[in-house]
């Protein structure tokens, strides 16, 4: 009888030890395992819609067409309406101002000027992951779009009127024949610099790096005045098919064989830089 009790106790003790050992191993394995990474809800993704915020900077252009008799032998095509419209199309995207005058006309004659305000910036659409938040964003975006469309419509109407008035005033100068006796390059540069050096209140300070003087000329002055130093920081572009620098050589202009090449350069500089 006693032996049976001892054997039963021994078996129970062994069973207890085995169960304890298994439980200990299970707990140890659970503690050593690499914890699963917590599931994280991705942050709201900000996706721009088809309308992107413009990052262009307003630009200033001073354009002069040489109306002296010497241009006939320098392979120069007179500035035409479509040439001015090329620059105007750029200004419609960036905002800025165009000043137009003639080389050979009286230096006290005001430049024709076209100011185009910076176009309204379209809103940016954001898409949240949360459907409730996304619904709120969609509603706010629609309100912003309605406001933008209203401002854009008014901007288009205003700009169209400005362009029509400018082109009407420019046509007589564009149609003027090249028969002036004097080629006063210095006078043109002085007029350009006066325009380009106006106080920053007229345009934001960033415009300082986006100024251009375009001379459609052989650069050969028939006056005894020396070209002035360009203090506005503007790039000087000289357009003629003869490769002539004339008196502008000391100013190291960028030379172009054709107007189209010069305007393509401006478009790439002012529009392509932000693409």
Protein backbone atom coordinates (compact mmCIF):
# COMPACT_ATOMS: atom_id res chain seq x y z
CA UNK A 1 0.00 0.00 0.00
CA UNK A 2 2.76 2.44 0.94
CA UNK A 3 4.74 1.58 -2.18
CA UNK A 4 1.70 2.36 -4.39
CA UNK A 5 1.31 5.79 -2.79
CA UNK A 6 5.00 6.58 -3.30
CA UNK A 7 4.85 5.53 -6.95
CA UNK A 8 1.71 7.63 -7.57
CA UNK A 9 3.37 10.65 -5.93
CA UNK A 10 6.50 10.19 -8.02
CA UNK A 11 4.51 10.04 -11.26
CA UNK A 12 2.54 13.20 -10.35
CA UNK A 13 5.76 15.01 -9.53
CA UNK A 14 7.31 14.06 -12.86
CA UNK A 15 4.19 15.15 -14.73
CA UNK A 16 4.22 18.49 -12.90
CA UNK A 17 7.86 19.05 -13.72
CA UNK A 18 7.29 18.25 -17.41
CA UNK A 19 4.33 20.64 -17.65
CA UNK A 20 6.30 23.38 -15.87
CA UNK A 21 9.21 22.86 -18.23
CA UNK A 22 6.97 23.14 -21.30
CA UNK A 23 5.33 26.30 -20.01
CA UNK A 24 8.74 27.82 -19.26
CA UNK A 25 9.99 27.04 -22.78
CA UNK A 26 6.88 28.57 -24.31
CA UNK A 27 7.29 31.78 -22.32
CA UNK A 28 10.97 31.97 -23.18
CA UNK A 29 10.26 31.56 -26.88
CA UNK A 30 7.61 34.26 -26.73
CA UNK A 31 10.02 36.69 -25.06
CA UNK A 32 12.84 36.10 -27.58
CA UNK A 33 10.73 36.45 -30.69
CA UNK A 34 11.02 39.69 -32.67
CA UNK A 35 7.94 41.74 -31.97
CA UNK A 36 5.74 42.44 -34.93
CA UNK A 37 6.03 45.95 -36.26
CA UNK A 38 3.04 48.03 -35.33
CA UNK A 39 0.67 48.81 -38.14
CA UNK A 40 0.98 52.47 -38.90
CA UNK A 41 -1.64 54.52 -40.63
CA UNK A 42 0.08 56.32 -43.52
CA UNK A 43 0.03 60.07 -43.17
CA UNK A 44 -2.29 62.05 -45.36
CA UNK A 45 -0.76 62.17 -48.83
CA UNK A 46 -0.71 65.59 -50.41
CA UNK A 47 -1.30 65.15 -54.11
CA UNK A 48 -1.32 68.17 -56.31
CA UNK A 49 -4.15 68.32 -58.76
CA UNK A 50 -3.88 69.21 -62.39
CA UNK A 51 -3.51 72.85 -61.38
CA UNK A 52 -0.06 73.50 -59.93
CA UNK A 53 1.09 76.52 -58.03
CA UNK A 54 3.08 78.83 -60.24
CA UNK A 55 6.65 79.50 -59.17
CA UNK A 56 7.53 81.92 -61.96
CA UNK A 57 9.01 85.31 -61.19
CA UNK A 58 7.92 88.53 -62.96
CA UNK A 59 10.30 89.68 -65.69
CA UNK A 60 11.09 93.05 -67.28
CA UNK A 61 11.86 93.46 -71.01
CA UNK A 62 13.15 96.58 -72.75
CA UNK A 63 12.93 96.07 -76.53
CA UNK A 64 14.39 98.46 -79.10
CA UNK A 65 14.04 98.22 -82.87
CA UNK A 66 16.70 99.96 -84.96
CA UNK A 67 15.09 102.24 -87.54
CA UNK A 68 18.30 103.67 -88.98
CA UNK A 69 19.26 103.12 -92.60
CA UNK A 70 22.25 100.91 -91.70
CA UNK A 71 20.05 97.96 -90.72
CA UNK A 72 19.36 97.22 -94.38
CA UNK A 73 22.92 95.94 -94.80
CA UNK A 74 23.11 94.07 -91.48
CA UNK A 75 20.55 91.35 -92.24
CA UNK A 76 18.06 92.59 -89.68
CA UNK A 77 14.34 91.88 -89.85
CA UNK A 78 12.25 94.61 -88.23
CA UNK A 79 10.35 93.83 -85.04
CA UNK A 80 6.79 92.83 -85.89
CA UNK A 81 3.57 92.42 -83.94
CA UNK A 82 4.02 88.67 -83.51
CA UNK A 83 7.46 89.27 -81.99
CA UNK A 84 6.01 91.47 -79.28
CA UNK A 85 3.20 88.96 -78.77
CA UNK A 86 5.81 86.25 -78.14
CA UNK A 87 7.12 88.22 -75.18
CA UNK A 88 3.60 89.10 -74.08
CA UNK A 89 2.67 85.40 -74.03
CA UNK A 90 5.59 84.80 -71.65
CA UNK A 91 4.48 87.71 -69.46
CA UNK A 92 0.98 86.26 -69.31
CA UNK A 93 2.49 83.28 -67.50
CA UNK A 94 4.99 85.08 -65.28
CA UNK A 95 3.70 88.62 -64.94
CA UNK A 96 6.01 91.55 -65.55
CA UNK A 97 6.41 94.48 -67.90
CA UNK A 98 7.38 95.15 -71.51
CA UNK A 99 8.80 98.50 -72.68
CA UNK A 100 9.16 99.18 -76.41
CA UNK A 101 10.99 101.93 -78.24
CA UNK A 102 12.95 102.69 -81.39
CA UNK A 103 16.65 103.30 -81.95
CA UNK A 104 16.79 106.54 -83.89
CA UNK A 105 13.69 108.19 -82.46
CA UNK A 106 13.87 111.18 -80.18
CA UNK A 107 15.27 110.22 -76.80
CA UNK A 108 12.62 112.27 -75.00
CA UNK A 109 9.86 110.15 -76.48
CA UNK A 110 8.34 107.92 -73.78
CA UNK A 111 8.67 104.18 -74.10
CA UNK A 112 5.49 102.26 -74.78
CA UNK A 113 4.84 100.12 -71.73
CA UNK A 114 2.68 97.11 -71.02
CA UNK A 115 2.35 95.95 -67.43
CA UNK A 116 0.84 92.51 -66.84
CA UNK A 117 0.07 91.66 -63.22
CA UNK A 118 1.11 88.26 -61.89
CA UNK A 119 -1.72 85.84 -62.74
CA UNK A 120 -3.81 84.42 -59.88
CA UNK A 121 -2.40 81.23 -58.39
CA UNK A 122 -4.70 78.20 -58.68
CA UNK A 123 -5.45 76.22 -55.52
CA UNK A 124 -3.73 72.91 -54.85
CA UNK A 125 -5.85 69.83 -54.25
CA UNK A 126 -4.95 67.57 -51.29
CA UNK A 127 -6.18 63.97 -50.96
CA UNK A 128 -6.34 62.68 -47.40
CA UNK A 129 -6.50 58.95 -46.65
CA UNK A 130 -9.32 59.47 -44.17
CA UNK A 131 -12.59 59.62 -46.19
CA UNK A 132 -14.23 62.12 -43.82
CA UNK A 133 -11.24 64.45 -43.93
CA UNK A 134 -11.02 64.02 -47.70
CA UNK A 135 -14.67 65.07 -48.04
CA UNK A 136 -13.92 68.24 -46.08
CA UNK A 137 -10.90 68.93 -48.28
CA UNK A 138 -12.91 68.42 -51.47
CA UNK A 139 -15.54 70.88 -50.29
CA UNK A 140 -12.93 73.49 -49.36
CA UNK A 141 -11.10 72.94 -52.65
CA UNK A 142 -14.29 73.54 -54.65
CA UNK A 143 -14.84 76.84 -52.83
CA UNK A 144 -11.23 77.84 -53.56
CA UNK A 145 -11.65 76.88 -57.23
CA UNK A 146 -14.78 79.01 -57.56
CA UNK A 147 -12.91 81.98 -56.08
CA UNK A 148 -9.89 81.33 -58.33
CA UNK A 149 -12.05 81.10 -61.48
CA UNK A 150 -13.68 84.42 -60.62
CA UNK A 151 -10.31 86.14 -60.06
CA UNK A 152 -8.85 84.56 -63.18
CA UNK A 153 -11.76 85.74 -65.31
CA UNK A 154 -11.32 89.29 -64.06
CA UNK A 155 -7.53 89.07 -64.61
CA UNK A 156 -8.03 87.87 -68.21
CA UNK A 157 -10.42 90.72 -68.95
CA UNK A 158 -8.03 93.31 -67.51
CA UNK A 159 -4.96 91.90 -69.30
CA UNK A 160 -6.78 91.69 -72.64
CA UNK A 161 -7.65 95.38 -72.43
CA UNK A 162 -4.05 96.30 -71.57
CA UNK A 163 -2.64 94.27 -74.47
CA UNK A 164 -5.09 95.75 -77.00
CA UNK A 165 -4.24 99.30 -75.92
CA UNK A 166 -0.50 98.60 -76.06
CA UNK A 167 -0.59 97.00 -79.51
CA UNK A 168 -2.71 99.84 -80.91
CA UNK A 169 -0.10 102.34 -79.72
CA UNK A 170 2.82 100.19 -80.95
CA UNK A 171 1.63 99.65 -84.52
CA UNK A 172 2.65 103.09 -85.87
CA UNK A 173 6.18 102.61 -84.52
CA UNK A 174 6.39 99.06 -85.84
CA UNK A 175 5.37 100.26 -89.30
CA UNK A 176 7.86 103.11 -89.36
CA UNK A 177 10.42 102.59 -92.16
CA UNK A 178 14.14 102.27 -91.38
CA UNK A 179 15.34 105.62 -92.64
CA UNK A 180 16.56 107.48 -89.56
CA UNK A 181 20.00 109.05 -90.02
CA UNK A 182 21.22 108.68 -86.44
CA UNK A 183 21.83 105.42 -84.59
CA UNK A 184 21.98 106.45 -80.96
CA UNK A 185 22.69 103.20 -79.09
CA UNK A 186 23.57 105.06 -75.89
CA UNK A 187 20.21 106.81 -75.82
CA UNK A 188 18.40 103.47 -76.11
CA UNK A 189 20.46 101.99 -73.28
CA UNK A 190 19.84 105.03 -71.07
CA UNK A 191 16.10 104.75 -71.63
CA UNK A 192 16.22 101.02 -70.90
CA UNK A 193 18.21 101.52 -67.70
CA UNK A 194 15.80 104.20 -66.47
CA UNK A 195 12.95 101.73 -66.93
CA UNK A 196 14.79 98.77 -65.39
CA UNK A 197 16.10 100.70 -62.37
CA UNK A 198 12.74 101.90 -61.11
CA UNK A 199 12.17 101.32 -57.36
CA UNK A 200 11.47 97.78 -56.19
CA UNK A 201 8.03 98.85 -55.02
CA UNK A 202 6.94 98.62 -58.66
CA UNK A 203 7.84 94.92 -58.73
CA UNK A 204 9.12 92.44 -56.14
CA UNK A 205 12.86 92.36 -55.49
CA UNK A 206 13.11 88.93 -57.16
CA UNK A 207 12.57 90.64 -60.51
CA UNK A 208 16.15 91.95 -60.29
CA UNK A 209 17.43 88.67 -61.74
CA UNK A 210 14.96 88.64 -64.62
CA UNK A 211 15.66 91.77 -66.64
CA UNK A 212 16.46 91.88 -70.36
CA UNK A 213 17.46 94.52 -72.91
CA UNK A 214 16.85 93.39 -76.49
CA UNK A 215 18.45 95.45 -79.27
CA UNK A 216 17.34 94.50 -82.78
CA UNK A 217 20.31 96.33 -84.28
CA UNK A 218 23.81 96.05 -85.69
CA UNK A 219 25.00 97.95 -82.63
CA UNK A 220 26.89 100.46 -84.74
CA UNK A 221 26.34 103.91 -83.27
CA UNK A 222 26.63 106.97 -85.50
CA UNK A 223 26.86 109.36 -82.55
CA UNK A 224 29.99 110.10 -80.55
CA UNK A 225 28.45 108.98 -77.27
CA UNK A 226 30.02 105.96 -75.59
CA UNK A 227 27.70 103.16 -74.42
CA UNK A 228 26.88 103.39 -70.75
CA UNK A 229 27.50 100.72 -68.15
CA UNK A 230 24.48 98.49 -67.52
CA UNK A 231 23.89 98.85 -63.79
CA UNK A 232 20.46 97.22 -63.66
CA UNK A 233 21.97 93.75 -63.97
CA UNK A 234 19.96 93.16 -67.15
CA UNK A 235 21.08 90.72 -69.81
CA UNK A 236 21.84 92.46 -73.08
CA UNK A 237 20.73 90.61 -76.21
CA UNK A 238 21.91 91.86 -79.62
CA UNK A 239 20.09 90.56 -82.70
CA UNK A 240 21.48 90.83 -86.22
CA UNK A 241 22.46 88.41 -88.97
CA UNK A 242 25.83 90.00 -89.70
CA UNK A 243 27.39 89.19 -86.33
CA UNK A 244 28.14 92.86 -85.79
CA UNK A 245 28.79 94.11 -82.27
CA UNK A 246 29.45 97.74 -83.07
CA UNK A 247 29.87 99.90 -80.01
CA UNK A 248 28.18 97.33 -77.76
CA UNK A 249 31.25 95.07 -77.75
CA UNK A 250 32.46 96.39 -74.40
CA UNK A 251 29.11 95.34 -72.86
CA UNK A 252 29.56 91.70 -73.96
CA UNK A 253 26.03 91.14 -75.25
CA UNK A 254 24.56 87.74 -76.01
CA UNK A 255 24.44 87.57 -79.82
CA UNK A 256 21.62 86.04 -81.83
CA UNK A 257 21.30 85.61 -85.57
CA UNK A 258 17.51 85.95 -85.52
CA UNK A 259 14.73 87.36 -83.40
CA UNK A 260 13.20 83.92 -83.04
CA UNK A 261 16.40 82.52 -81.56
CA UNK A 262 16.53 85.37 -79.06
CA UNK A 263 12.91 84.92 -78.02
CA UNK A 264 13.33 81.14 -77.76
CA UNK A 265 16.24 81.78 -75.40
CA UNK A 266 14.09 84.06 -73.25
CA UNK A 267 11.25 81.53 -73.16
CA UNK A 268 13.65 78.75 -72.11
CA UNK A 269 15.18 81.00 -69.46
CA UNK A 270 11.97 82.39 -67.99
CA UNK A 271 9.65 79.39 -68.37
CA UNK A 272 11.93 76.38 -68.67
CA UNK A 273 13.84 77.14 -65.46
CA UNK A 274 10.85 76.08 -63.32
CA UNK A 275 9.87 72.94 -65.17
